[in-house]
Amino acid sequence: MGEHHWNMADLIYFLRQNKSQFLYRLNSMVQKFGAMDYIPPCDSYTDFCQITVKEWKKLLHLIRSQSTYDVIILDMGTSTGHELELLRQCDGIYMPVKKDPISRGKIEQWDRYIQILDGLDILELLQKLELPPDGTGSDSESDLSMLPEQRLGSYIRELLTS
């Protein structure tokens, strides 16, 4: 069998154990993508949906207070039902947008969803960003490894340092 790759479900499992070695576990699960550290997503949507708001808040608090990370990026691409409470924990909220009709429709639907949930404060913090085209038109792993050198990588770095 191959090497086990830890993911977010494993990290949450260790978080639930309330043990003092959480930071050690976090650091042992981190994977690298160039200069960026990340925890791979849950393998199962069911695992992802079972993470409670309290657990997300605890995770963010521990990473902020016990690690050396200056920036935490949450990819909230899939609805969890916890969006408002998690987004309220953020100092900045950025949403990449495209101009095509399908993308615009999805964004309008999300805006309505947030309004229905009384999230006007979230919409005030939200910055919708039309990302520059990367010019590759491909999603292969080799193209992703070039992200830091592409215009999109530069754009993201600029956002994080401003």
C-alpha atoms as a PDB file:
ATOM      1  CA  MET A   1       0.000   0.000   0.000  1.00  0.00           C
ATOM      2  CA  GLY A   2       1.092   3.549  -0.653  1.00  0.00           C
ATOM      3  CA  GLU A   3       1.974   6.280   1.784  1.00  0.00           C
ATOM      4  CA  HIS A   4      -0.984   7.724   3.729  1.00  0.00           C
ATOM      5  CA  HIS A   5      -1.705  11.352   2.961  1.00  0.00           C
ATOM      6  CA  TRP A   6      -3.359  13.194   5.818  1.00  0.00           C
ATOM      7  CA  ASN A   7      -6.269  15.499   5.054  1.00  0.00           C
ATOM      8  CA  MET A   8      -8.655  17.895   6.770  1.00  0.00           C
ATOM      9  CA  ALA A   9     -10.803  15.044   8.164  1.00  0.00           C
ATOM     10  CA  ASP A  10      -7.725  13.650   9.932  1.00  0.00           C
ATOM     11  CA  LEU A  11      -6.819  17.076  11.315  1.00  0.00           C
ATOM     12  CA  ILE A  12     -10.343  17.535  12.674  1.00  0.00           C
ATOM     13  CA  TYR A  13     -10.162  14.039  14.213  1.00  0.00           C
ATOM     14  CA  PHE A  14      -7.045  15.083  16.142  1.00  0.00           C
ATOM     15  CA  LEU A  15      -8.665  18.390  17.051  1.00  0.00           C
ATOM     16  CA  ARG A  16     -11.572  16.450  18.581  1.00  0.00           C
ATOM     17  CA  GLN A  17      -9.106  14.514  20.764  1.00  0.00           C
ATOM     18  CA  ASN A  18      -8.255  17.734  22.695  1.00  0.00           C
ATOM     19  CA  LYS A  19      -4.648  16.706  23.077  1.00  0.00           C
ATOM     20  CA  SER A  20      -1.774  19.072  23.581  1.00  0.00           C
ATOM     21  CA  GLN A  21       0.098  17.805  20.507  1.00  0.00           C
ATOM     22  CA  PHE A  22      -2.297  19.483  18.083  1.00  0.00           C
ATOM     23  CA  LEU A  23       0.362  21.804  16.636  1.00  0.00           C
ATOM     24  CA  TYR A  24       2.691  18.836  16.122  1.00  0.00           C
ATOM     25  CA  ARG A  25      -0.119  17.001  14.294  1.00  0.00           C
ATOM     26  CA  LEU A  26      -0.893  20.063  12.184  1.00  0.00           C
ATOM     27  CA  ASN A  27       2.734  20.445  11.158  1.00  0.00           C
ATOM     28  CA  SER A  28       3.039  16.741  10.313  1.00  0.00           C
ATOM     29  CA  MET A  29      -0.002  16.943   8.016  1.00  0.00           C
ATOM     30  CA  VAL A  30       1.035  20.026   6.086  1.00  0.00           C
ATOM     31  CA  GLN A  31       1.881  19.490   2.450  1.00  0.00           C
ATOM     32  CA  LYS A  32       3.805  21.921   0.273  1.00  0.00           C
ATOM     33  CA  PHE A  33       2.863  23.585  -2.988  1.00  0.00           C
ATOM     34  CA  GLY A  34       5.856  25.749  -3.757  1.00  0.00           C
ATOM     35  CA  ALA A  35       6.133  28.170  -0.835  1.00  0.00           C
ATOM     36  CA  MET A  36       2.540  27.571   0.267  1.00  0.00           C
ATOM     37  CA  ASP A  37       1.639  25.114   3.020  1.00  0.00           C
ATOM     38  CA  TYR A  38      -1.761  23.445   2.856  1.00  0.00           C
ATOM     39  CA  ILE A  39      -3.884  20.695   4.320  1.00  0.00           C
ATOM     40  CA  PRO A  40      -5.552  18.580   1.617  1.00  0.00           C
ATOM     41  CA  PRO A  41      -9.351  18.622   1.660  1.00  0.00           C
ATOM     42  CA  CYS A  42     -11.499  15.833   3.103  1.00  0.00           C
ATOM     43  CA  ASP A  43     -11.798  12.825   0.832  1.00  0.00           C
ATOM     44  CA  SER A  44     -15.517  12.661   1.522  1.00  0.00           C
ATOM     45  CA  TYR A  45     -18.130  15.394   1.280  1.00  0.00           C
ATOM     46  CA  THR A  46     -19.861  13.673   4.211  1.00  0.00           C
ATOM     47  CA  ASP A  47     -16.736  14.092   6.364  1.00  0.00           C
ATOM     48  CA  PHE A  48     -16.561  17.752   5.375  1.00  0.00           C
ATOM     49  CA  CYS A  49     -20.219  18.378   6.259  1.00  0.00           C
ATOM     50  CA  GLN A  50     -19.794  16.779   9.678  1.00  0.00           C
ATOM     51  CA  ILE A  51     -17.300  19.421  10.792  1.00  0.00           C
ATOM     52  CA  THR A  52     -19.202  21.710  13.171  1.00  0.00           C
ATOM     53  CA  VAL A  53     -18.962  25.476  13.442  1.00  0.00           C
ATOM     54  CA  LYS A  54     -17.437  25.040  16.894  1.00  0.00           C
ATOM     55  CA  GLU A  55     -14.704  22.804  15.414  1.00  0.00           C
ATOM     56  CA  TRP A  56     -13.959  25.240  12.561  1.00  0.00           C
ATOM     57  CA  LYS A  57     -13.702  28.109  15.062  1.00  0.00           C
ATOM     58  CA  LYS A  58     -11.449  26.074  17.337  1.00  0.00           C
ATOM     59  CA  LEU A  59      -9.244  25.088  14.398  1.00  0.00           C
ATOM     60  CA  LEU A  60      -8.892  28.695  13.244  1.00  0.00           C
ATOM     61  CA  HIS A  61      -8.173  29.863  16.792  1.00  0.00           C
ATOM     62  CA  LEU A  62      -5.463  27.236  17.322  1.00  0.00           C
ATOM     63  CA  ILE A  63      -3.795  27.978  13.999  1.00  0.00           C
ATOM     64  CA  ARG A  64      -3.863  31.720  14.715  1.00  0.00           C
ATOM     65  CA  SER A  65      -2.631  31.427  18.294  1.00  0.00           C
ATOM     66  CA  GLN A  66      -0.200  28.487  18.157  1.00  0.00           C
ATOM     67  CA  SER A  67       1.308  28.463  14.680  1.00  0.00           C
ATOM     68  CA  THR A  68       3.572  30.826  12.795  1.00  0.00           C
ATOM     69  CA  TYR A  69       1.156  31.309   9.889  1.00  0.00           C
ATOM     70  CA  ASP A  70       0.333  34.923   9.043  1.00  0.00           C
ATOM     71  CA  VAL A  71      -2.418  34.120   6.537  1.00  0.00           C
ATOM     72  CA  ILE A  72      -5.038  31.376   6.526  1.00  0.00           C
ATOM     73  CA  ILE A  73      -6.929  30.755   3.303  1.00  0.00           C
ATOM     74  CA  LEU A  74     -10.228  28.883   3.460  1.00  0.00           C
ATOM     75  CA  ASP A  75     -11.597  27.576   0.195  1.00  0.00           C
ATOM     76  CA  MET A  76     -15.337  27.672   0.859  1.00  0.00           C
ATOM     77  CA  GLY A  77     -16.309  26.363  -2.545  1.00  0.00           C
ATOM     78  CA  THR A  78     -18.861  23.914  -1.151  1.00  0.00           C
ATOM     79  CA  SER A  79     -21.720  24.921   1.102  1.00  0.00           C
ATOM     80  CA  THR A  80     -21.429  23.645   4.647  1.00  0.00           C
ATOM     81  CA  GLY A  81     -24.347  25.471   6.205  1.00  0.00           C
ATOM     82  CA  HIS A  82     -21.760  27.258   8.376  1.00  0.00           C
ATOM     83  CA  GLU A  83     -20.718  29.907   5.893  1.00  0.00           C
ATOM     84  CA  LEU A  84     -21.854  32.986   7.813  1.00  0.00           C
ATOM     85  CA  GLU A  85     -20.297  31.982  11.110  1.00  0.00           C
ATOM     86  CA  LEU A  86     -17.020  31.033   9.457  1.00  0.00           C
ATOM     87  CA  LEU A  87     -16.889  34.095   7.238  1.00  0.00           C
ATOM     88  CA  ARG A  88     -17.453  36.287  10.292  1.00  0.00           C
ATOM     89  CA  GLN A  89     -14.157  34.913  11.661  1.00  0.00           C
ATOM     90  CA  CYS A  90     -12.261  36.324   8.668  1.00  0.00           C
ATOM     91  CA  ASP A  91     -10.429  39.612   8.364  1.00  0.00           C
ATOM     92  CA  GLY A  92     -10.933  39.608   4.596  1.00  0.00           C
ATOM     93  CA  ILE A  93     -13.296  37.783   2.268  1.00  0.00           C
ATOM     94  CA  TYR A  94     -12.348  37.421  -1.374  1.00  0.00           C
ATOM     95  CA  MET A  95     -14.441  35.794  -4.078  1.00  0.00           C
ATOM     96  CA  PRO A  96     -12.956  35.065  -7.489  1.00  0.00           C
ATOM     97  CA  VAL A  97     -15.465  35.853 -10.221  1.00  0.00           C
ATOM     98  CA  LYS A  98     -15.814  35.251 -13.928  1.00  0.00           C
ATOM     99  CA  LYS A  99     -17.936  37.257 -16.333  1.00  0.00           C
ATOM    100  CA  ASP A 100     -19.683  34.372 -18.094  1.00  0.00           C
ATOM    101  CA  PRO A 101     -23.487  34.045 -17.589  1.00  0.00           C
ATOM    102  CA  ILE A 102     -23.283  30.798 -15.585  1.00  0.00           C
ATOM    103  CA  SER A 103     -20.740  32.230 -13.155  1.00  0.00           C
ATOM    104  CA  ARG A 104     -22.724  35.442 -12.761  1.00  0.00           C
ATOM    105  CA  GLY A 105     -25.845  33.386 -12.020  1.00  0.00           C
ATOM    106  CA  LYS A 106     -24.049  31.374  -9.336  1.00  0.00           C
ATOM    107  CA  ILE A 107     -22.753  34.539  -7.696  1.00  0.00           C
ATOM    108  CA  GLU A 108     -26.200  36.157  -7.741  1.00  0.00           C
ATOM    109  CA  GLN A 109     -27.651  32.994  -6.192  1.00  0.00           C
ATOM    110  CA  TRP A 110     -24.981  33.042  -3.458  1.00  0.00           C
ATOM    111  CA  ASP A 111     -25.637  36.738  -2.759  1.00  0.00           C
ATOM    112  CA  ARG A 112     -29.368  36.018  -2.329  1.00  0.00           C
ATOM    113  CA  TYR A 113     -28.580  33.052  -0.071  1.00  0.00           C
ATOM    114  CA  ILE A 114     -26.393  35.212   2.176  1.00  0.00           C
ATOM    115  CA  GLN A 115     -29.057  37.964   2.288  1.00  0.00           C
ATOM    116  CA  ILE A 116     -31.756  35.432   3.254  1.00  0.00           C
ATOM    117  CA  LEU A 117     -29.520  34.273   6.109  1.00  0.00           C
ATOM    118  CA  ASP A 118     -29.160  37.902   7.300  1.00  0.00           C
ATOM    119  CA  GLY A 119     -25.560  38.158   6.195  1.00  0.00           C
ATOM    120  CA  LEU A 120     -25.449  41.756   4.981  1.00  0.00           C
ATOM    121  CA  ASP A 121     -22.330  42.279   7.121  1.00  0.00           C
ATOM    122  CA  ILE A 122     -20.644  39.509   5.113  1.00  0.00           C
ATOM    123  CA  LEU A 123     -21.598  41.120   1.816  1.00  0.00           C
ATOM    124  CA  GLU A 124     -20.087  44.399   3.052  1.00  0.00           C
ATOM    125  CA  LEU A 125     -16.744  42.659   3.749  1.00  0.00           C
ATOM    126  CA  LEU A 126     -16.812  40.694   0.512  1.00  0.00           C
ATOM    127  CA  GLN A 127     -14.479  41.710  -2.275  1.00  0.00           C
ATOM    128  CA  LYS A 128     -15.373  40.184  -5.618  1.00  0.00           C
ATOM    129  CA  LEU A 129     -12.251  39.816  -7.684  1.00  0.00           C
ATOM    130  CA  GLU A 130     -12.172  39.354 -11.391  1.00  0.00           C
ATOM    131  CA  LEU A 131      -9.060  37.252 -11.685  1.00  0.00           C
ATOM    132  CA  PRO A 132      -6.723  37.917 -14.562  1.00  0.00           C
ATOM    133  CA  PRO A 133      -6.572  35.147 -17.135  1.00  0.00           C
ATOM    134  CA  ASP A 134      -3.557  32.925 -16.638  1.00  0.00           C
ATOM    135  CA  GLY A 135      -3.216  32.303 -20.334  1.00  0.00           C
ATOM    136  CA  THR A 136      -2.719  28.556 -20.042  1.00  0.00           C
ATOM    137  CA  GLY A 137      -6.269  27.262 -20.345  1.00  0.00           C
ATOM    138  CA  SER A 138      -5.191  24.048 -18.610  1.00  0.00           C
ATOM    139  CA  ASP A 139      -5.673  22.609 -15.157  1.00  0.00           C
ATOM    140  CA  SER A 140      -2.939  19.993 -15.223  1.00  0.00           C
ATOM    141  CA  GLU A 141      -0.712  19.538 -12.182  1.00  0.00           C
ATOM    142  CA  SER A 142       2.350  20.707 -14.109  1.00  0.00           C
ATOM    143  CA  ASP A 143       0.532  23.937 -14.970  1.00  0.00           C
ATOM    144  CA  LEU A 144      -0.453  24.355 -11.308  1.00  0.00           C
ATOM    145  CA  SER A 145       3.187  24.082 -10.296  1.00  0.00           C
ATOM    146  CA  MET A 146       3.814  27.163 -12.430  1.00  0.00           C
ATOM    147  CA  LEU A 147       1.100  29.182 -10.625  1.00  0.00           C
ATOM    148  CA  PRO A 148       3.544  31.225  -8.516  1.00  0.00           C
ATOM    149  CA  GLU A 149       5.204  32.521 -11.701  1.00  0.00           C
ATOM    150  CA  GLN A 150       1.964  33.203 -13.582  1.00  0.00           C
ATOM    151  CA  ARG A 151      -0.037  36.422 -13.493  1.00  0.00           C
ATOM    152  CA  LEU A 152      -2.635  34.814 -11.214  1.00  0.00           C
ATOM    153  CA  GLY A 153       0.044  33.884  -8.672  1.00  0.00           C
ATOM    154  CA  SER A 154       1.405  37.437  -8.701  1.00  0.00           C
ATOM    155  CA  TYR A 155      -2.100  38.826  -8.295  1.00  0.00           C
ATOM    156  CA  ILE A 156      -2.798  36.619  -5.257  1.00  0.00           C
ATOM    157  CA  ARG A 157       0.542  37.528  -3.644  1.00  0.00           C
ATOM    158  CA  GLU A 158      -0.253  41.207  -4.140  1.00  0.00           C
ATOM    159  CA  LEU A 159      -3.628  40.769  -2.416  1.00  0.00           C
ATOM    160  CA  LEU A 160      -2.092  38.979   0.534  1.00  0.00           C
ATOM    161  CA  THR A 161       0.595  41.600   1.092  1.00  0.00           C
ATOM    162  CA  SER A 162      -1.670  44.642   0.806  1.00  0.00           C
END
